[in-house]
Amino acid sequence: MAKLFLLIFGVFIFIHSQAQTFPTILEKLNSEKITVFQKGNFQVTNKPIKVEKYEFSAPEPLIIFSPKEVGVYPVLLFIHGTMLSNEDYSEFFKHIASHGFIVVAPKLFRIFPPKLPSQQDEIDMAASVANWMPLYLQVVLQKYVAGVEGDLEKLAISGHSRGGKSAFALALGFSNIKLDVTFSALIGVDPVAGRRVDDRTLPYVLTYKPNSFNLSIPVTVIGSGFGNHTISCAPNYVNHQQFYDECKENSSHFVITKYGHMEMLNEFNLSPIAVSMSIMCAQSYGPKATMRRTLGGIMVAFLNTYFRDDGGQYYAIMANTSLAPTNLFVEKKGNFGFALTYAQV
């Protein structure tokens, strides 16, 4: 009887201690200084490293942003949006690189001479760039930032708008080109699958079945709140919400509620297409720099969690969205190491 009493008493003490511990952990995370939304500690190449098509055997023209400091860094392959250029995102890329990441961004569209690839073409072109990296990325880095290495064991795939769908397609195996690399994380930036459910681009990635994506890697989907407003550049049922709904466990969904579909682009774009598309899509009245810091910060926090075993800021932002520079909506699948009572947003 005495042993039973001691056992019950011990269980009571354990439960009581955990009830005290989880709020304390969350409180500590919420009060932690959030640095991912600010410029990181790494000096970054001021101008992108440009690699023309066929230079260093590159299958497509591309740009690279990298820390200058000697070291080994995770790599992010980023696919630009519809009819845009990789250089339209350069300020956003600098933010990510300043936190210790190498960003590789191919250019899959051009006006002169015209190059208008289908979505399947874009997926295959991006796959070719992914396969190029193990052979030549280090050669390029050695020339421009000696002592810097890309860690392709920590390779993430990401993309914006139509490029976001292409990123999902690559991770899901829709490429006609066999991949020689393995993606370890996936980030969809306001992904769009078409103009509406019955007018989607091929290949069809969305299944309209919850939790149906056959992905075993961590995923985050980051959407814009104004993407489906006015002239809808990210329409309902083919946008970020649908992509997230079809993800499985270990996935998260952030919506930057008061910004539009194109507002992570550079403050000033020389490309007439980027300018016209930015005007066409609904916009906020806030500075684009805030959108870029918020988007870049979420991506850095997510990548730090899975590539550096440093999830404090990621968990804190999910638990307390007021830590972000602007309004966020958050949902997630999986408890991410917290008791559900205290991790719910």
C-alpha atoms as a PDB file:
ATOM      1  CA  MET A   1       0.000   0.000   0.000  1.00  0.00           C
ATOM      2  CA  ALA A   2       2.840   2.319   0.885  1.00  0.00           C
ATOM      3  CA  LYS A   3       4.512   1.598  -2.497  1.00  0.00           C
ATOM      4  CA  LEU A   4       1.258   2.342  -4.339  1.00  0.00           C
ATOM      5  CA  PHE A   5       0.933   5.636  -2.465  1.00  0.00           C
ATOM      6  CA  LEU A   6       4.511   6.585  -3.329  1.00  0.00           C
ATOM      7  CA  LEU A   7       3.918   5.715  -6.984  1.00  0.00           C
ATOM      8  CA  ILE A   8       0.759   7.841  -7.170  1.00  0.00           C
ATOM      9  CA  PHE A   9       2.514  10.665  -5.327  1.00  0.00           C
ATOM     10  CA  GLY A  10       5.457  10.443  -7.751  1.00  0.00           C
ATOM     11  CA  VAL A  11       3.168  10.616 -10.786  1.00  0.00           C
ATOM     12  CA  PHE A  12       1.389  13.634  -9.268  1.00  0.00           C
ATOM     13  CA  ILE A  13       4.699  15.427  -8.706  1.00  0.00           C
ATOM     14  CA  PHE A  14       5.820  14.665 -12.292  1.00  0.00           C
ATOM     15  CA  ILE A  15       2.588  15.971 -13.839  1.00  0.00           C
ATOM     16  CA  HIS A  16       2.705  19.061 -11.629  1.00  0.00           C
ATOM     17  CA  SER A  17       6.306  19.740 -12.585  1.00  0.00           C
ATOM     18  CA  GLN A  18       5.534  19.401 -16.313  1.00  0.00           C
ATOM     19  CA  ALA A  19       2.575  21.742 -15.986  1.00  0.00           C
ATOM     20  CA  GLN A  20       5.005  24.279 -14.541  1.00  0.00           C
ATOM     21  CA  THR A  21       7.786  23.524 -17.021  1.00  0.00           C
ATOM     22  CA  PHE A  22       5.966  23.904 -20.338  1.00  0.00           C
ATOM     23  CA  PRO A  23       4.703  27.460 -19.691  1.00  0.00           C
ATOM     24  CA  THR A  24       8.193  28.356 -18.455  1.00  0.00           C
ATOM     25  CA  ILE A  25       9.762  27.037 -21.662  1.00  0.00           C
ATOM     26  CA  LEU A  26       7.247  28.893 -23.802  1.00  0.00           C
ATOM     27  CA  GLU A  27       7.685  32.067 -21.779  1.00  0.00           C
ATOM     28  CA  LYS A  28      11.446  31.849 -22.280  1.00  0.00           C
ATOM     29  CA  LEU A  29      11.021  31.393 -26.035  1.00  0.00           C
ATOM     30  CA  ASN A  30       8.567  34.255 -26.301  1.00  0.00           C
ATOM     31  CA  SER A  31      10.913  36.607 -24.473  1.00  0.00           C
ATOM     32  CA  GLU A  32      13.947  35.464 -26.460  1.00  0.00           C
ATOM     33  CA  LYS A  33      15.455  38.163 -28.637  1.00  0.00           C
ATOM     34  CA  ILE A  34      14.268  37.447 -32.158  1.00  0.00           C
ATOM     35  CA  THR A  35      17.083  38.089 -34.642  1.00  0.00           C
ATOM     36  CA  VAL A  36      15.852  36.353 -37.807  1.00  0.00           C
ATOM     37  CA  PHE A  37      13.859  39.387 -38.941  1.00  0.00           C
ATOM     38  CA  GLN A  38      16.954  41.599 -38.875  1.00  0.00           C
ATOM     39  CA  LYS A  39      20.000  41.508 -41.121  1.00  0.00           C
ATOM     40  CA  GLY A  40      22.191  38.578 -40.085  1.00  0.00           C
ATOM     41  CA  ASN A  41      25.772  38.632 -38.837  1.00  0.00           C
ATOM     42  CA  PHE A  42      27.371  37.464 -42.077  1.00  0.00           C
ATOM     43  CA  GLN A  43      28.752  39.864 -44.675  1.00  0.00           C
ATOM     44  CA  VAL A  44      27.229  39.001 -48.044  1.00  0.00           C
ATOM     45  CA  THR A  45      28.431  39.438 -51.609  1.00  0.00           C
ATOM     46  CA  ASN A  46      27.242  42.981 -52.462  1.00  0.00           C
ATOM     47  CA  LYS A  47      26.313  41.996 -55.980  1.00  0.00           C
ATOM     48  CA  PRO A  48      25.126  38.546 -56.928  1.00  0.00           C
ATOM     49  CA  ILE A  49      27.594  36.093 -58.370  1.00  0.00           C
ATOM     50  CA  LYS A  50      26.326  35.780 -61.933  1.00  0.00           C
ATOM     51  CA  VAL A  51      26.795  32.592 -63.912  1.00  0.00           C
ATOM     52  CA  GLU A  52      25.695  32.767 -67.536  1.00  0.00           C
ATOM     53  CA  LYS A  53      24.256  29.791 -69.346  1.00  0.00           C
ATOM     54  CA  TYR A  54      27.047  27.344 -70.295  1.00  0.00           C
ATOM     55  CA  GLU A  55      29.543  29.188 -68.074  1.00  0.00           C
ATOM     56  CA  PHE A  56      30.862  26.587 -65.628  1.00  0.00           C
ATOM     57  CA  SER A  57      28.619  24.240 -67.636  1.00  0.00           C
ATOM     58  CA  ALA A  58      25.511  25.863 -66.110  1.00  0.00           C
ATOM     59  CA  PRO A  59      22.327  24.567 -67.814  1.00  0.00           C
ATOM     60  CA  GLU A  60      20.578  27.908 -67.178  1.00  0.00           C
ATOM     61  CA  PRO A  61      21.741  31.397 -66.198  1.00  0.00           C
ATOM     62  CA  LEU A  62      21.720  31.827 -62.429  1.00  0.00           C
ATOM     63  CA  ILE A  63      22.716  34.099 -59.590  1.00  0.00           C
ATOM     64  CA  ILE A  64      24.234  33.170 -56.241  1.00  0.00           C
ATOM     65  CA  PHE A  65      24.244  35.097 -52.976  1.00  0.00           C
ATOM     66  CA  SER A  66      26.707  33.844 -50.395  1.00  0.00           C
ATOM     67  CA  PRO A  67      28.307  34.801 -47.101  1.00  0.00           C
ATOM     68  CA  LYS A  68      31.867  36.065 -47.555  1.00  0.00           C
ATOM     69  CA  GLU A  69      33.163  34.485 -44.352  1.00  0.00           C
ATOM     70  CA  VAL A  70      35.042  31.205 -44.719  1.00  0.00           C
ATOM     71  CA  GLY A  71      32.790  28.327 -43.740  1.00  0.00           C
ATOM     72  CA  VAL A  72      30.360  25.614 -44.813  1.00  0.00           C
ATOM     73  CA  TYR A  73      26.767  26.739 -45.320  1.00  0.00           C
ATOM     74  CA  PRO A  74      23.390  25.147 -46.129  1.00  0.00           C
ATOM     75  CA  VAL A  75      22.086  25.803 -49.655  1.00  0.00           C
ATOM     76  CA  LEU A  76      18.699  27.115 -50.796  1.00  0.00           C
ATOM     77  CA  LEU A  77      17.614  26.569 -54.418  1.00  0.00           C
ATOM     78  CA  PHE A  78      14.960  29.184 -55.241  1.00  0.00           C
ATOM     79  CA  ILE A  79      12.644  29.265 -58.295  1.00  0.00           C
ATOM     80  CA  HIS A  80      11.241  32.659 -59.277  1.00  0.00           C
ATOM     81  CA  GLY A  81       7.612  33.423 -60.100  1.00  0.00           C
ATOM     82  CA  THR A  82       5.710  33.704 -63.377  1.00  0.00           C
ATOM     83  CA  MET A  83       7.520  35.797 -66.014  1.00  0.00           C
ATOM     84  CA  LEU A  84       9.755  37.311 -63.347  1.00  0.00           C
ATOM     85  CA  SER A  85      13.530  37.325 -63.045  1.00  0.00           C
ATOM     86  CA  ASN A  86      15.736  35.881 -60.338  1.00  0.00           C
ATOM     87  CA  GLU A  87      17.244  39.349 -59.866  1.00  0.00           C
ATOM     88  CA  ASP A  88      13.845  40.774 -58.872  1.00  0.00           C
ATOM     89  CA  TYR A  89      14.371  39.045 -55.491  1.00  0.00           C
ATOM     90  CA  SER A  90      17.958  40.111 -54.794  1.00  0.00           C
ATOM     91  CA  GLU A  91      17.236  42.141 -51.619  1.00  0.00           C
ATOM     92  CA  PHE A  92      15.250  39.233 -50.216  1.00  0.00           C
ATOM     93  CA  PHE A  93      18.074  36.807 -51.065  1.00  0.00           C
ATOM     94  CA  LYS A  94      20.591  39.051 -49.295  1.00  0.00           C
ATOM     95  CA  HIS A  95      18.565  38.795 -46.086  1.00  0.00           C
ATOM     96  CA  ILE A  96      18.668  34.995 -46.173  1.00  0.00           C
ATOM     97  CA  ALA A  97      22.363  34.853 -47.097  1.00  0.00           C
ATOM     98  CA  SER A  98      23.239  37.221 -44.236  1.00  0.00           C
ATOM     99  CA  HIS A  99      22.088  34.514 -41.820  1.00  0.00           C
ATOM    100  CA  GLY A 100      24.562  31.989 -43.182  1.00  0.00           C
ATOM    101  CA  PHE A 101      22.938  30.431 -46.244  1.00  0.00           C
ATOM    102  CA  ILE A 102      23.953  30.154 -49.887  1.00  0.00           C
ATOM    103  CA  VAL A 103      21.101  31.052 -52.252  1.00  0.00           C
ATOM    104  CA  VAL A 104      21.158  29.694 -55.810  1.00  0.00           C
ATOM    105  CA  ALA A 105      18.484  31.147 -58.100  1.00  0.00           C
ATOM    106  CA  PRO A 106      18.191  30.186 -61.790  1.00  0.00           C
ATOM    107  CA  LYS A 107      16.590  32.429 -64.393  1.00  0.00           C
ATOM    108  CA  LEU A 108      13.973  30.458 -66.298  1.00  0.00           C
ATOM    109  CA  PHE A 109      12.249  33.244 -68.270  1.00  0.00           C
ATOM    110  CA  ARG A 110      13.477  36.034 -70.524  1.00  0.00           C
ATOM    111  CA  ILE A 111      11.941  38.649 -72.803  1.00  0.00           C
ATOM    112  CA  PHE A 112      14.733  38.977 -75.383  1.00  0.00           C
ATOM    113  CA  PRO A 113      15.169  36.611 -77.037  1.00  0.00           C
ATOM    114  CA  PRO A 114      11.790  35.278 -75.930  1.00  0.00           C
ATOM    115  CA  LYS A 115      11.784  32.233 -73.703  1.00  0.00           C
ATOM    116  CA  LEU A 116       8.360  31.175 -72.434  1.00  0.00           C
ATOM    117  CA  PRO A 117       8.731  27.707 -70.903  1.00  0.00           C
ATOM    118  CA  SER A 118       5.785  25.592 -69.842  1.00  0.00           C
ATOM    119  CA  GLN A 119       5.521  24.722 -66.161  1.00  0.00           C
ATOM    120  CA  GLN A 120       6.885  21.245 -66.886  1.00  0.00           C
ATOM    121  CA  ASP A 121       9.802  22.861 -68.713  1.00  0.00           C
ATOM    122  CA  GLU A 122      10.476  25.038 -65.651  1.00  0.00           C
ATOM    123  CA  ILE A 123      10.425  22.021 -63.358  1.00  0.00           C
ATOM    124  CA  ASP A 124      12.893  20.194 -65.588  1.00  0.00           C
ATOM    125  CA  MET A 125      15.116  23.272 -65.941  1.00  0.00           C
ATOM    126  CA  ALA A 126      15.224  23.655 -62.157  1.00  0.00           C
ATOM    127  CA  ALA A 127      16.051  19.949 -61.831  1.00  0.00           C
ATOM    128  CA  SER A 128      18.982  20.454 -64.217  1.00  0.00           C
ATOM    129  CA  VAL A 129      20.291  23.287 -62.036  1.00  0.00           C
ATOM    130  CA  ALA A 130      19.911  21.099 -58.930  1.00  0.00           C
ATOM    131  CA  ASN A 131      21.973  18.376 -60.621  1.00  0.00           C
ATOM    132  CA  TRP A 132      24.572  20.957 -61.668  1.00  0.00           C
ATOM    133  CA  MET A 133      25.310  21.983 -58.093  1.00  0.00           C
ATOM    134  CA  PRO A 134      27.226  18.899 -56.860  1.00  0.00           C
ATOM    135  CA  LEU A 135      29.612  19.214 -59.823  1.00  0.00           C
ATOM    136  CA  TYR A 136      30.123  22.947 -60.220  1.00  0.00           C
ATOM    137  CA  LEU A 137      28.752  25.011 -57.320  1.00  0.00           C
ATOM    138  CA  GLN A 138      31.983  24.632 -55.387  1.00  0.00           C
ATOM    139  CA  VAL A 139      34.032  25.615 -58.438  1.00  0.00           C
ATOM    140  CA  VAL A 140      32.080  28.872 -58.730  1.00  0.00           C
ATOM    141  CA  LEU A 141      32.300  29.606 -55.007  1.00  0.00           C
ATOM    142  CA  GLN A 142      36.051  28.970 -54.992  1.00  0.00           C
ATOM    143  CA  LYS A 143      36.510  31.588 -57.712  1.00  0.00           C
ATOM    144  CA  TYR A 144      34.393  34.324 -56.119  1.00  0.00           C
ATOM    145  CA  VAL A 145      34.369  33.622 -52.356  1.00  0.00           C
ATOM    146  CA  ALA A 146      37.342  31.395 -51.628  1.00  0.00           C
ATOM    147  CA  GLY A 147      36.956  29.279 -48.520  1.00  0.00           C
ATOM    148  CA  VAL A 148      33.153  29.197 -48.719  1.00  0.00           C
ATOM    149  CA  GLU A 149      31.540  25.795 -49.263  1.00  0.00           C
ATOM    150  CA  GLY A 150      27.969  24.735 -49.879  1.00  0.00           C
ATOM    151  CA  ASP A 151      26.672  21.826 -47.805  1.00  0.00           C
ATOM    152  CA  LEU A 152      24.440  19.898 -50.196  1.00  0.00           C
ATOM    153  CA  GLU A 153      23.561  17.485 -47.414  1.00  0.00           C
ATOM    154  CA  LYS A 154      21.522  20.468 -46.191  1.00  0.00           C
ATOM    155  CA  LEU A 155      19.747  21.483 -49.392  1.00  0.00           C
ATOM    156  CA  ALA A 156      16.355  23.184 -49.366  1.00  0.00           C
ATOM    157  CA  ILE A 157      14.075  23.827 -52.334  1.00  0.00           C
ATOM    158  CA  SER A 158      11.834  26.892 -52.496  1.00  0.00           C
ATOM    159  CA  GLY A 159       9.966  29.018 -54.987  1.00  0.00           C
ATOM    160  CA  HIS A 160       7.483  31.849 -55.319  1.00  0.00           C
ATOM    161  CA  SER A 161       4.061  31.805 -57.025  1.00  0.00           C
ATOM    162  CA  ARG A 162       4.254  29.450 -59.997  1.00  0.00           C
ATOM    163  CA  GLY A 163       7.818  28.771 -58.881  1.00  0.00           C
ATOM    164  CA  GLY A 164       6.394  27.686 -55.525  1.00  0.00           C
ATOM    165  CA  LYS A 165       4.336  25.048 -57.295  1.00  0.00           C
ATOM    166  CA  SER A 166       7.471  24.022 -59.226  1.00  0.00           C
ATOM    167  CA  ALA A 167       9.313  23.609 -55.913  1.00  0.00           C
ATOM    168  CA  PHE A 168       6.575  21.288 -54.643  1.00  0.00           C
ATOM    169  CA  ALA A 169       6.614  19.424 -57.963  1.00  0.00           C
ATOM    170  CA  LEU A 170      10.374  18.849 -57.758  1.00  0.00           C
ATOM    171  CA  ALA A 171      10.123  17.579 -54.179  1.00  0.00           C
ATOM    172  CA  LEU A 172       7.215  15.313 -55.151  1.00  0.00           C
ATOM    173  CA  GLY A 173       9.069  13.766 -58.099  1.00  0.00           C
ATOM    174  CA  PHE A 174       7.311  15.405 -61.063  1.00  0.00           C
ATOM    175  CA  SER A 175      10.519  16.164 -62.946  1.00  0.00           C
ATOM    176  CA  ASN A 176      11.288  14.317 -66.166  1.00  0.00           C
ATOM    177  CA  ILE A 177      14.943  14.527 -65.152  1.00  0.00           C
ATOM    178  CA  LYS A 178      16.191  12.190 -62.451  1.00  0.00           C
ATOM    179  CA  LEU A 179      17.505  14.175 -59.504  1.00  0.00           C
ATOM    180  CA  ASP A 180      21.061  13.516 -58.341  1.00  0.00           C
ATOM    181  CA  VAL A 181      20.487  15.474 -55.128  1.00  0.00           C
ATOM    182  CA  THR A 182      18.152  15.040 -52.179  1.00  0.00           C
ATOM    183  CA  PHE A 183      16.116  17.916 -50.819  1.00  0.00           C
ATOM    184  CA  SER A 184      16.011  18.064 -47.035  1.00  0.00           C
ATOM    185  CA  ALA A 185      13.396  20.831 -46.640  1.00  0.00           C
ATOM    186  CA  LEU A 186      10.719  22.547 -48.725  1.00  0.00           C
ATOM    187  CA  ILE A 187       9.425  26.124 -48.532  1.00  0.00           C
ATOM    188  CA  GLY A 188       6.496  27.283 -50.668  1.00  0.00           C
ATOM    189  CA  VAL A 189       6.313  31.078 -50.969  1.00  0.00           C
ATOM    190  CA  ASP A 190       2.729  31.980 -51.911  1.00  0.00           C
ATOM    191  CA  PRO A 191       2.573  28.970 -54.291  1.00  0.00           C
ATOM    192  CA  VAL A 192      -0.038  29.075 -57.061  1.00  0.00           C
ATOM    193  CA  ALA A 193      -1.245  26.135 -59.138  1.00  0.00           C
ATOM    194  CA  GLY A 194      -3.206  28.089 -61.764  1.00  0.00           C
ATOM    195  CA  ARG A 195      -5.950  30.651 -62.279  1.00  0.00           C
ATOM    196  CA  ARG A 196      -8.667  28.450 -60.778  1.00  0.00           C
ATOM    197  CA  VAL A 197      -9.400  24.829 -59.958  1.00  0.00           C
ATOM    198  CA  ASP A 198     -10.499  24.008 -63.525  1.00  0.00           C
ATOM    199  CA  ASP A 199      -7.680  26.011 -65.107  1.00  0.00           C
ATOM    200  CA  ARG A 200      -4.504  24.713 -63.492  1.00  0.00           C
ATOM    201  CA  THR A 201      -1.119  24.413 -65.110  1.00  0.00           C
ATOM    202  CA  LEU A 202       0.296  20.988 -65.885  1.00  0.00           C
ATOM    203  CA  PRO A 203       1.473  18.855 -64.212  1.00  0.00           C
ATOM    204  CA  TYR A 204      -1.348  18.645 -61.683  1.00  0.00           C
ATOM    205  CA  VAL A 205       0.277  18.656 -58.263  1.00  0.00           C
ATOM    206  CA  LEU A 206      -2.736  19.415 -56.082  1.00  0.00           C
ATOM    207  CA  THR A 207      -4.938  16.405 -55.334  1.00  0.00           C
ATOM    208  CA  TYR A 208      -7.696  18.099 -53.276  1.00  0.00           C
ATOM    209  CA  LYS A 209      -7.267  15.403 -50.651  1.00  0.00           C
ATOM    210  CA  PRO A 210      -6.083  16.524 -47.183  1.00  0.00           C
ATOM    211  CA  ASN A 211      -2.603  15.377 -46.113  1.00  0.00           C
ATOM    212  CA  SER A 212      -2.045  13.670 -49.473  1.00  0.00           C
ATOM    213  CA  PHE A 213       1.414  14.955 -50.439  1.00  0.00           C
ATOM    214  CA  ASN A 214       3.930  12.103 -50.311  1.00  0.00           C
ATOM    215  CA  LEU A 215       6.623  14.130 -48.555  1.00  0.00           C
ATOM    216  CA  SER A 216       8.778  12.978 -45.671  1.00  0.00           C
ATOM    217  CA  ILE A 217      10.744  16.227 -45.351  1.00  0.00           C
ATOM    218  CA  PRO A 218       9.757  19.243 -43.241  1.00  0.00           C
ATOM    219  CA  VAL A 219       7.620  21.768 -45.122  1.00  0.00           C
ATOM    220  CA  THR A 220       6.497  25.307 -44.499  1.00  0.00           C
ATOM    221  CA  VAL A 221       4.082  27.255 -46.690  1.00  0.00           C
ATOM    222  CA  ILE A 222       4.131  31.052 -46.463  1.00  0.00           C
ATOM    223  CA  GLY A 223       1.259  32.966 -48.053  1.00  0.00           C
ATOM    224  CA  SER A 224       0.132  36.542 -48.488  1.00  0.00           C
ATOM    225  CA  GLY A 225      -3.138  37.838 -47.104  1.00  0.00           C
ATOM    226  CA  PHE A 226      -3.904  40.016 -50.129  1.00  0.00           C
ATOM    227  CA  GLY A 227      -2.984  37.400 -52.723  1.00  0.00           C
ATOM    228  CA  ASN A 228      -6.606  36.584 -53.467  1.00  0.00           C
ATOM    229  CA  HIS A 229      -7.861  40.187 -53.455  1.00  0.00           C
ATOM    230  CA  THR A 230      -8.884  42.439 -56.359  1.00  0.00           C
ATOM    231  CA  ILE A 231      -7.175  40.994 -59.460  1.00  0.00           C
ATOM    232  CA  SER A 232      -6.432  37.678 -57.865  1.00  0.00           C
ATOM    233  CA  CYS A 233      -2.808  36.680 -58.305  1.00  0.00           C
ATOM    234  CA  ALA A 234      -3.099  33.805 -55.823  1.00  0.00           C
ATOM    235  CA  PRO A 235      -6.729  32.638 -56.086  1.00  0.00           C
ATOM    236  CA  ASN A 236      -8.466  30.571 -53.444  1.00  0.00           C
ATOM    237  CA  TYR A 237      -8.363  26.774 -53.892  1.00  0.00           C
ATOM    238  CA  VAL A 238      -5.145  26.939 -55.928  1.00  0.00           C
ATOM    239  CA  ASN A 239      -3.074  28.994 -53.485  1.00  0.00           C
ATOM    240  CA  HIS A 240      -1.044  28.607 -50.294  1.00  0.00           C
ATOM    241  CA  GLN A 241      -3.958  27.342 -48.194  1.00  0.00           C
ATOM    242  CA  GLN A 242      -4.636  24.408 -50.512  1.00  0.00           C
ATOM    243  CA  PHE A 243      -0.942  23.491 -50.672  1.00  0.00           C
ATOM    244  CA  TYR A 244      -0.742  23.490 -46.873  1.00  0.00           C
ATOM    245  CA  ASP A 245      -3.949  21.456 -46.525  1.00  0.00           C
ATOM    246  CA  GLU A 246      -2.351  18.697 -48.592  1.00  0.00           C
ATOM    247  CA  CYS A 247       0.845  18.600 -46.512  1.00  0.00           C
ATOM    248  CA  LYS A 248       1.330  15.991 -43.799  1.00  0.00           C
ATOM    249  CA  GLU A 249       2.828  16.217 -40.308  1.00  0.00           C
ATOM    250  CA  ASN A 250       5.844  18.427 -39.536  1.00  0.00           C
ATOM    251  CA  SER A 251       4.458  21.220 -41.703  1.00  0.00           C
ATOM    252  CA  SER A 252       3.570  24.784 -40.872  1.00  0.00           C
ATOM    253  CA  HIS A 253       1.630  27.569 -42.552  1.00  0.00           C
ATOM    254  CA  PHE A 254       2.274  31.278 -42.138  1.00  0.00           C
ATOM    255  CA  VAL A 255       0.168  34.000 -43.748  1.00  0.00           C
ATOM    256  CA  ILE A 256       1.576  37.533 -43.863  1.00  0.00           C
ATOM    257  CA  THR A 257      -1.912  38.933 -43.665  1.00  0.00           C
ATOM    258  CA  LYS A 258      -1.502  42.575 -44.688  1.00  0.00           C
ATOM    259  CA  TYR A 259       0.775  42.151 -47.698  1.00  0.00           C
ATOM    260  CA  GLY A 260       0.293  41.137 -51.319  1.00  0.00           C
ATOM    261  CA  HIS A 261       1.553  38.453 -53.645  1.00  0.00           C
ATOM    262  CA  MET A 262       4.457  40.453 -55.152  1.00  0.00           C
ATOM    263  CA  GLU A 263       5.644  42.486 -52.199  1.00  0.00           C
ATOM    264  CA  MET A 264       8.777  40.471 -51.441  1.00  0.00           C
ATOM    265  CA  LEU A 265      10.316  41.769 -54.669  1.00  0.00           C
ATOM    266  CA  ASN A 266      12.927  44.528 -54.688  1.00  0.00           C
ATOM    267  CA  GLU A 267      11.808  48.028 -53.774  1.00  0.00           C
ATOM    268  CA  PHE A 268      12.589  49.202 -57.299  1.00  0.00           C
ATOM    269  CA  ASN A 269      12.594  46.814 -60.247  1.00  0.00           C
ATOM    270  CA  LEU A 270      14.037  47.592 -63.655  1.00  0.00           C
ATOM    271  CA  SER A 271      12.023  44.788 -65.244  1.00  0.00           C
ATOM    272  CA  PRO A 272       8.828  46.209 -66.813  1.00  0.00           C
ATOM    273  CA  ILE A 273       7.108  42.864 -66.257  1.00  0.00           C
ATOM    274  CA  ALA A 274       7.924  42.863 -62.534  1.00  0.00           C
ATOM    275  CA  VAL A 275       6.646  46.434 -62.256  1.00  0.00           C
ATOM    276  CA  SER A 276       3.415  45.753 -64.156  1.00  0.00           C
ATOM    277  CA  MET A 277       2.694  42.522 -62.278  1.00  0.00           C
ATOM    278  CA  SER A 278       3.343  44.230 -58.948  1.00  0.00           C
ATOM    279  CA  ILE A 279       0.835  46.930 -59.866  1.00  0.00           C
ATOM    280  CA  MET A 280      -1.690  44.373 -61.085  1.00  0.00           C
ATOM    281  CA  CYS A 281      -1.608  42.315 -57.894  1.00  0.00           C
ATOM    282  CA  ALA A 282      -3.176  43.723 -54.712  1.00  0.00           C
ATOM    283  CA  GLN A 283      -0.686  45.649 -52.566  1.00  0.00           C
ATOM    284  CA  SER A 284      -0.510  46.869 -48.995  1.00  0.00           C
ATOM    285  CA  TYR A 285       0.311  50.357 -47.838  1.00  0.00           C
ATOM    286  CA  GLY A 286       3.304  49.137 -45.877  1.00  0.00           C
ATOM    287  CA  PRO A 287       6.958  49.119 -46.967  1.00  0.00           C
ATOM    288  CA  LYS A 288       8.132  46.141 -48.994  1.00  0.00           C
ATOM    289  CA  ALA A 289      11.148  45.905 -46.699  1.00  0.00           C
ATOM    290  CA  THR A 290       8.817  44.766 -43.898  1.00  0.00           C
ATOM    291  CA  MET A 291       7.407  42.010 -46.101  1.00  0.00           C
ATOM    292  CA  ARG A 292      10.913  40.901 -47.093  1.00  0.00           C
ATOM    293  CA  ARG A 293      12.106  40.880 -43.469  1.00  0.00           C
ATOM    294  CA  THR A 294       9.062  38.911 -42.339  1.00  0.00           C
ATOM    295  CA  LEU A 295       9.225  36.368 -45.138  1.00  0.00           C
ATOM    296  CA  GLY A 296      13.001  36.034 -44.936  1.00  0.00           C
ATOM    297  CA  GLY A 297      12.907  35.746 -41.158  1.00  0.00           C
ATOM    298  CA  ILE A 298      10.344  32.935 -41.191  1.00  0.00           C
ATOM    299  CA  MET A 299      12.397  31.060 -43.773  1.00  0.00           C
ATOM    300  CA  VAL A 300      15.629  31.500 -41.792  1.00  0.00           C
ATOM    301  CA  ALA A 301      13.943  30.374 -38.558  1.00  0.00           C
ATOM    302  CA  PHE A 302      12.509  27.305 -40.320  1.00  0.00           C
ATOM    303  CA  LEU A 303      15.839  26.365 -41.924  1.00  0.00           C
ATOM    304  CA  ASN A 304      17.745  26.909 -38.672  1.00  0.00           C
ATOM    305  CA  THR A 305      15.379  24.460 -36.979  1.00  0.00           C
ATOM    306  CA  TYR A 306      16.069  21.605 -39.351  1.00  0.00           C
ATOM    307  CA  PHE A 307      19.596  22.382 -40.564  1.00  0.00           C
ATOM    308  CA  ARG A 308      21.168  23.730 -37.374  1.00  0.00           C
ATOM    309  CA  ASP A 309      19.068  22.134 -34.640  1.00  0.00           C
ATOM    310  CA  ASP A 310      18.178  25.645 -33.490  1.00  0.00           C
ATOM    311  CA  GLY A 311      14.394  25.895 -33.376  1.00  0.00           C
ATOM    312  CA  GLY A 312      13.949  28.436 -30.594  1.00  0.00           C
ATOM    313  CA  GLN A 313      12.957  31.369 -32.772  1.00  0.00           C
ATOM    314  CA  TYR A 314      10.812  29.255 -35.093  1.00  0.00           C
ATOM    315  CA  TYR A 315       8.830  27.837 -32.165  1.00  0.00           C
ATOM    316  CA  ALA A 316       8.567  31.253 -30.549  1.00  0.00           C
ATOM    317  CA  ILE A 317       7.145  32.873 -33.698  1.00  0.00           C
ATOM    318  CA  MET A 318       4.583  30.072 -34.060  1.00  0.00           C
ATOM    319  CA  ALA A 319       3.550  30.470 -30.435  1.00  0.00           C
ATOM    320  CA  ASN A 320       3.522  34.275 -30.410  1.00  0.00           C
ATOM    321  CA  THR A 321       2.932  35.912 -33.782  1.00  0.00           C
ATOM    322  CA  SER A 322       3.337  39.404 -32.305  1.00  0.00           C
ATOM    323  CA  LEU A 323       7.098  38.783 -32.423  1.00  0.00           C
ATOM    324  CA  ALA A 324       7.001  39.293 -36.216  1.00  0.00           C
ATOM    325  CA  PRO A 325       7.396  42.730 -37.850  1.00  0.00           C
ATOM    326  CA  THR A 326       3.829  42.597 -39.203  1.00  0.00           C
ATOM    327  CA  ASN A 327       0.606  40.655 -38.696  1.00  0.00           C
ATOM    328  CA  LEU A 328       0.815  36.876 -39.072  1.00  0.00           C
ATOM    329  CA  PHE A 329      -1.644  34.011 -39.081  1.00  0.00           C
ATOM    330  CA  VAL A 330      -0.091  30.636 -38.175  1.00  0.00           C
ATOM    331  CA  GLU A 331      -1.231  27.025 -38.198  1.00  0.00           C
ATOM    332  CA  LYS A 332       0.728  23.798 -37.984  1.00  0.00           C
ATOM    333  CA  LYS A 333       0.517  20.023 -38.126  1.00  0.00           C
ATOM    334  CA  GLY A 334       2.442  18.287 -35.359  1.00  0.00           C
ATOM    335  CA  ASN A 335       3.303  19.529 -31.883  1.00  0.00           C
ATOM    336  CA  PHE A 336       6.898  20.533 -32.705  1.00  0.00           C
ATOM    337  CA  GLY A 337       8.124  19.334 -29.334  1.00  0.00           C
ATOM    338  CA  PHE A 338       5.630  21.266 -27.207  1.00  0.00           C
ATOM    339  CA  ALA A 339       2.668  20.115 -25.179  1.00  0.00           C
ATOM    340  CA  LEU A 340      -0.305  20.978 -27.404  1.00  0.00           C
ATOM    341  CA  THR A 341      -1.908  22.999 -24.586  1.00  0.00           C
ATOM    342  CA  TYR A 342       0.863  25.569 -24.752  1.00  0.00           C
ATOM    343  CA  ALA A 343       1.895  25.415 -28.414  1.00  0.00           C
ATOM    344  CA  GLN A 344      -1.476  26.159 -29.949  1.00  0.00           C
ATOM    345  CA  VAL A 345      -1.670  29.510 -31.756  1.00  0.00           C
END
